[in-house]
Amino acid sequence: MSKQKKPKNRAAIQLGWEFIKLQVAGNIPFWGTYGINFVLDKGLSVDKYQALLVATVLANALFFIVDDQWVFSSSKGKRKTSAEVWKFVIFMSLSALLTFNITWQLYNVLGISTYIGQFISAGLSISWTFIGLRFWVFATPKKSSKRRVATARR
């Protein structure tokens, strides 16, 4: 019985550790977008929409690298498939688009500063980001049924 509990405990600890690392890494898209947006908006007088868009893209590109190399590196092992890369790009693009639109609509419709709006949209994105990245993009690969059948026949 204790042998069965160890893998479950280990998996739970790994999952918890990945969640903590994602919360640390999650500062990259938030503070990166916030800082770049500030520099472009206030420092360089770039249009608010363009400043927020460029900041969002640059910060999420860095987030991609950190998630891949650090946050979920233990759950994915050494594999690097094109499907995984595309899942990441699709998920982060949709997530960035959603948080961008929340921030922009808070500003455009309700008059809430894009700086305050980023805090609101970031708070909303915490749960969907972990769930999507951990269980879809960086999900532990399942062994194919063909491999299991071949192994069982031996």
C-alpha atoms as a PDB file:
ATOM      1  CA  MET A   1       0.000   0.000   0.000  1.00  0.00           C
ATOM      2  CA  SER A   2       2.742   2.468   0.801  1.00  0.00           C
ATOM      3  CA  LYS A   3       4.236   1.928  -2.632  1.00  0.00           C
ATOM      4  CA  GLN A   4       0.961   2.973  -4.232  1.00  0.00           C
ATOM      5  CA  LYS A   5       0.790   6.138  -2.155  1.00  0.00           C
ATOM      6  CA  LYS A   6       4.297   7.278  -3.068  1.00  0.00           C
ATOM      7  CA  PRO A   7       3.580   7.806  -6.785  1.00  0.00           C
ATOM      8  CA  LYS A   8       0.349   9.633  -5.988  1.00  0.00           C
ATOM      9  CA  ASN A   9       2.110  11.804  -3.421  1.00  0.00           C
ATOM     10  CA  ARG A  10       4.984  12.434  -5.803  1.00  0.00           C
ATOM     11  CA  ALA A  11       2.582  13.409  -8.585  1.00  0.00           C
ATOM     12  CA  ALA A  12       0.699  15.744  -6.241  1.00  0.00           C
ATOM     13  CA  ILE A  13       3.945  17.326  -5.075  1.00  0.00           C
ATOM     14  CA  GLN A  14       5.104  17.768  -8.671  1.00  0.00           C
ATOM     15  CA  LEU A  15       1.754  19.299  -9.617  1.00  0.00           C
ATOM     16  CA  GLY A  16       1.936  21.673  -6.651  1.00  0.00           C
ATOM     17  CA  TRP A  17       5.512  22.616  -7.485  1.00  0.00           C
ATOM     18  CA  GLU A  18       4.550  23.315 -11.107  1.00  0.00           C
ATOM     19  CA  PHE A  19       1.676  25.508  -9.925  1.00  0.00           C
ATOM     20  CA  ILE A  20       4.059  27.502  -7.711  1.00  0.00           C
ATOM     21  CA  LYS A  21       6.614  27.854 -10.513  1.00  0.00           C
ATOM     22  CA  LEU A  22       3.867  29.013 -12.879  1.00  0.00           C
ATOM     23  CA  GLN A  23       2.814  31.673 -10.384  1.00  0.00           C
ATOM     24  CA  VAL A  24       6.405  32.942 -10.339  1.00  0.00           C
ATOM     25  CA  ALA A  25       6.752  32.729 -14.122  1.00  0.00           C
ATOM     26  CA  GLY A  26       3.300  34.263 -14.497  1.00  0.00           C
ATOM     27  CA  ASN A  27       4.861  37.533 -13.451  1.00  0.00           C
ATOM     28  CA  ILE A  28       6.581  37.669 -16.832  1.00  0.00           C
ATOM     29  CA  PRO A  29       3.515  38.285 -18.995  1.00  0.00           C
ATOM     30  CA  PHE A  30       1.954  40.498 -16.348  1.00  0.00           C
ATOM     31  CA  TRP A  31       4.873  42.731 -15.340  1.00  0.00           C
ATOM     32  CA  GLY A  32       6.466  42.480 -18.787  1.00  0.00           C
ATOM     33  CA  THR A  33       3.266  43.713 -20.415  1.00  0.00           C
ATOM     34  CA  TYR A  34       2.822  46.308 -17.696  1.00  0.00           C
ATOM     35  CA  GLY A  35       6.383  47.660 -18.011  1.00  0.00           C
ATOM     36  CA  ILE A  36       6.608  47.592 -21.796  1.00  0.00           C
ATOM     37  CA  ASN A  37       3.154  49.148 -22.051  1.00  0.00           C
ATOM     38  CA  PHE A  38       4.252  51.932 -19.695  1.00  0.00           C
ATOM     39  CA  VAL A  39       7.442  52.648 -21.659  1.00  0.00           C
ATOM     40  CA  LEU A  40       5.649  52.649 -25.009  1.00  0.00           C
ATOM     41  CA  ASP A  41       2.606  54.593 -23.759  1.00  0.00           C
ATOM     42  CA  LYS A  42       4.132  57.161 -21.399  1.00  0.00           C
ATOM     43  CA  GLY A  43       7.751  57.199 -22.546  1.00  0.00           C
ATOM     44  CA  LEU A  44       7.385  56.964 -26.310  1.00  0.00           C
ATOM     45  CA  SER A  45       3.782  58.216 -26.709  1.00  0.00           C
ATOM     46  CA  VAL A  46       2.752  55.184 -28.759  1.00  0.00           C
ATOM     47  CA  ASP A  47      -1.002  54.809 -29.283  1.00  0.00           C
ATOM     48  CA  LYS A  48      -2.523  53.008 -26.261  1.00  0.00           C
ATOM     49  CA  TYR A  49      -3.878  50.127 -28.351  1.00  0.00           C
ATOM     50  CA  GLN A  50      -0.567  49.541 -30.150  1.00  0.00           C
ATOM     51  CA  ALA A  51       1.437  49.909 -26.930  1.00  0.00           C
ATOM     52  CA  LEU A  52      -0.699  47.307 -25.169  1.00  0.00           C
ATOM     53  CA  LEU A  53      -0.606  44.941 -28.165  1.00  0.00           C
ATOM     54  CA  VAL A  54       3.191  45.076 -28.606  1.00  0.00           C
ATOM     55  CA  ALA A  55       3.739  44.722 -24.863  1.00  0.00           C
ATOM     56  CA  THR A  56       1.421  41.704 -24.712  1.00  0.00           C
ATOM     57  CA  VAL A  57       3.173  39.916 -27.593  1.00  0.00           C
ATOM     58  CA  LEU A  58       6.715  40.515 -26.296  1.00  0.00           C
ATOM     59  CA  ALA A  59       5.965  39.532 -22.715  1.00  0.00           C
ATOM     60  CA  ASN A  60       4.150  36.351 -23.768  1.00  0.00           C
ATOM     61  CA  ALA A  61       7.022  35.321 -26.035  1.00  0.00           C
ATOM     62  CA  LEU A  62       9.345  35.385 -23.029  1.00  0.00           C
ATOM     63  CA  PHE A  63       6.744  33.520 -20.968  1.00  0.00           C
ATOM     64  CA  PHE A  64       6.710  30.784 -23.630  1.00  0.00           C
ATOM     65  CA  ILE A  65      10.446  30.220 -23.196  1.00  0.00           C
ATOM     66  CA  VAL A  66      10.332  30.165 -19.393  1.00  0.00           C
ATOM     67  CA  ASP A  67       7.360  27.776 -19.270  1.00  0.00           C
ATOM     68  CA  ASP A  68       8.985  25.424 -21.724  1.00  0.00           C
ATOM     69  CA  GLN A  69      12.427  25.422 -20.146  1.00  0.00           C
ATOM     70  CA  TRP A  70      11.604  25.706 -16.434  1.00  0.00           C
ATOM     71  CA  VAL A  71       7.988  25.480 -15.271  1.00  0.00           C
ATOM     72  CA  PHE A  72       6.881  22.300 -17.040  1.00  0.00           C
ATOM     73  CA  SER A  73      10.257  20.790 -17.908  1.00  0.00           C
ATOM     74  CA  SER A  74       9.877  17.872 -15.480  1.00  0.00           C
ATOM     75  CA  SER A  75       6.402  16.877 -16.671  1.00  0.00           C
ATOM     76  CA  LYS A  76       7.313  16.767 -20.328  1.00  0.00           C
ATOM     77  CA  GLY A  77      10.696  15.132 -20.064  1.00  0.00           C
ATOM     78  CA  LYS A  78      12.980  15.671 -23.015  1.00  0.00           C
ATOM     79  CA  ARG A  79      10.384  15.371 -25.747  1.00  0.00           C
ATOM     80  CA  LYS A  80       9.797  18.285 -28.063  1.00  0.00           C
ATOM     81  CA  THR A  81       7.075  17.720 -30.579  1.00  0.00           C
ATOM     82  CA  SER A  82       5.668  20.138 -33.095  1.00  0.00           C
ATOM     83  CA  ALA A  83       2.216  19.382 -31.667  1.00  0.00           C
ATOM     84  CA  GLU A  84       3.340  20.601 -28.243  1.00  0.00           C
ATOM     85  CA  VAL A  85       4.789  23.787 -29.699  1.00  0.00           C
ATOM     86  CA  TRP A  86       1.597  24.480 -31.642  1.00  0.00           C
ATOM     87  CA  LYS A  87      -0.550  23.788 -28.589  1.00  0.00           C
ATOM     88  CA  PHE A  88       1.498  26.303 -26.640  1.00  0.00           C
ATOM     89  CA  VAL A  89       1.264  28.919 -29.369  1.00  0.00           C
ATOM     90  CA  ILE A  90      -2.487  28.389 -29.774  1.00  0.00           C
ATOM     91  CA  PHE A  91      -3.212  28.376 -26.051  1.00  0.00           C
ATOM     92  CA  MET A  92      -1.055  31.387 -25.216  1.00  0.00           C
ATOM     93  CA  SER A  93      -2.378  33.296 -28.209  1.00  0.00           C
ATOM     94  CA  LEU A  94      -5.950  32.694 -27.105  1.00  0.00           C
ATOM     95  CA  SER A  95      -5.085  33.488 -23.498  1.00  0.00           C
ATOM     96  CA  ALA A  96      -3.208  36.668 -24.460  1.00  0.00           C
ATOM     97  CA  LEU A  97      -6.068  37.683 -26.743  1.00  0.00           C
ATOM     98  CA  LEU A  98      -8.586  37.109 -23.973  1.00  0.00           C
ATOM     99  CA  THR A  99      -6.605  39.036 -21.330  1.00  0.00           C
ATOM    100  CA  PHE A 100      -5.838  41.769 -23.856  1.00  0.00           C
ATOM    101  CA  ASN A 101      -9.534  42.107 -24.710  1.00  0.00           C
ATOM    102  CA  ILE A 102     -10.581  42.120 -21.065  1.00  0.00           C
ATOM    103  CA  THR A 103      -8.046  44.873 -20.370  1.00  0.00           C
ATOM    104  CA  TRP A 104      -9.001  46.839 -23.471  1.00  0.00           C
ATOM    105  CA  GLN A 105     -12.742  46.554 -22.859  1.00  0.00           C
ATOM    106  CA  LEU A 106     -12.351  47.629 -19.239  1.00  0.00           C
ATOM    107  CA  TYR A 107     -10.593  50.731 -20.574  1.00  0.00           C
ATOM    108  CA  ASN A 108     -12.779  51.353 -23.612  1.00  0.00           C
ATOM    109  CA  VAL A 109     -16.193  50.599 -22.092  1.00  0.00           C
ATOM    110  CA  LEU A 110     -15.770  51.324 -18.393  1.00  0.00           C
ATOM    111  CA  GLY A 111     -12.961  53.877 -18.495  1.00  0.00           C
ATOM    112  CA  ILE A 112     -10.712  51.758 -16.252  1.00  0.00           C
ATOM    113  CA  SER A 113      -7.031  52.485 -16.849  1.00  0.00           C
ATOM    114  CA  THR A 114      -5.171  49.828 -18.839  1.00  0.00           C
ATOM    115  CA  TYR A 115      -2.809  49.596 -15.874  1.00  0.00           C
ATOM    116  CA  ILE A 116      -5.613  48.710 -13.445  1.00  0.00           C
ATOM    117  CA  GLY A 117      -7.295  46.558 -16.107  1.00  0.00           C
ATOM    118  CA  GLN A 118      -4.191  44.409 -16.342  1.00  0.00           C
ATOM    119  CA  PHE A 119      -4.497  43.520 -12.660  1.00  0.00           C
ATOM    120  CA  ILE A 120      -8.117  42.501 -13.191  1.00  0.00           C
ATOM    121  CA  SER A 121      -7.443  40.417 -16.317  1.00  0.00           C
ATOM    122  CA  ALA A 122      -4.370  38.806 -14.707  1.00  0.00           C
ATOM    123  CA  GLY A 123      -6.431  37.765 -11.711  1.00  0.00           C
ATOM    124  CA  LEU A 124      -8.951  36.134 -14.010  1.00  0.00           C
ATOM    125  CA  SER A 125      -6.308  34.331 -16.071  1.00  0.00           C
ATOM    126  CA  ILE A 126      -4.528  32.531 -13.213  1.00  0.00           C
ATOM    127  CA  SER A 127      -6.796  29.482 -13.180  1.00  0.00           C
ATOM    128  CA  TRP A 128      -7.292  28.951 -16.904  1.00  0.00           C
ATOM    129  CA  THR A 129      -3.572  29.397 -17.567  1.00  0.00           C
ATOM    130  CA  PHE A 130      -2.457  26.671 -15.163  1.00  0.00           C
ATOM    131  CA  ILE A 131      -5.168  24.252 -16.259  1.00  0.00           C
ATOM    132  CA  GLY A 132      -4.553  24.794 -19.970  1.00  0.00           C
ATOM    133  CA  LEU A 133      -0.780  24.666 -19.827  1.00  0.00           C
ATOM    134  CA  ARG A 134      -0.461  21.749 -17.427  1.00  0.00           C
ATOM    135  CA  PHE A 135      -3.207  19.493 -18.697  1.00  0.00           C
ATOM    136  CA  TRP A 136      -3.263  20.300 -22.409  1.00  0.00           C
ATOM    137  CA  VAL A 137      -0.041  21.902 -23.614  1.00  0.00           C
ATOM    138  CA  PHE A 138       2.450  20.187 -21.298  1.00  0.00           C
ATOM    139  CA  ALA A 139       0.396  17.118 -20.422  1.00  0.00           C
ATOM    140  CA  THR A 140       2.401  14.007 -19.688  1.00  0.00           C
ATOM    141  CA  PRO A 141       2.385  12.018 -22.915  1.00  0.00           C
ATOM    142  CA  LYS A 142       0.242   8.919 -22.919  1.00  0.00           C
ATOM    143  CA  LYS A 143       1.733   5.772 -24.334  1.00  0.00           C
ATOM    144  CA  SER A 144       0.073   4.823 -27.577  1.00  0.00           C
ATOM    145  CA  SER A 145      -2.253   1.856 -27.519  1.00  0.00           C
ATOM    146  CA  LYS A 146      -0.209   0.243 -30.306  1.00  0.00           C
ATOM    147  CA  ARG A 147       2.881   0.265 -28.104  1.00  0.00           C
ATOM    148  CA  ARG A 148       0.951  -1.282 -25.179  1.00  0.00           C
ATOM    149  CA  VAL A 149      -0.445  -4.032 -27.414  1.00  0.00           C
ATOM    150  CA  ALA A 150       3.003  -4.796 -28.838  1.00  0.00           C
ATOM    151  CA  THR A 151       4.496  -4.899 -25.332  1.00  0.00           C
ATOM    152  CA  ALA A 152       1.690  -7.147 -24.061  1.00  0.00           C
ATOM    153  CA  ARG A 153       2.234  -9.646 -26.886  1.00  0.00           C
ATOM    154  CA  ARG A 154       5.891 -10.132 -25.999  1.00  0.00           C
END
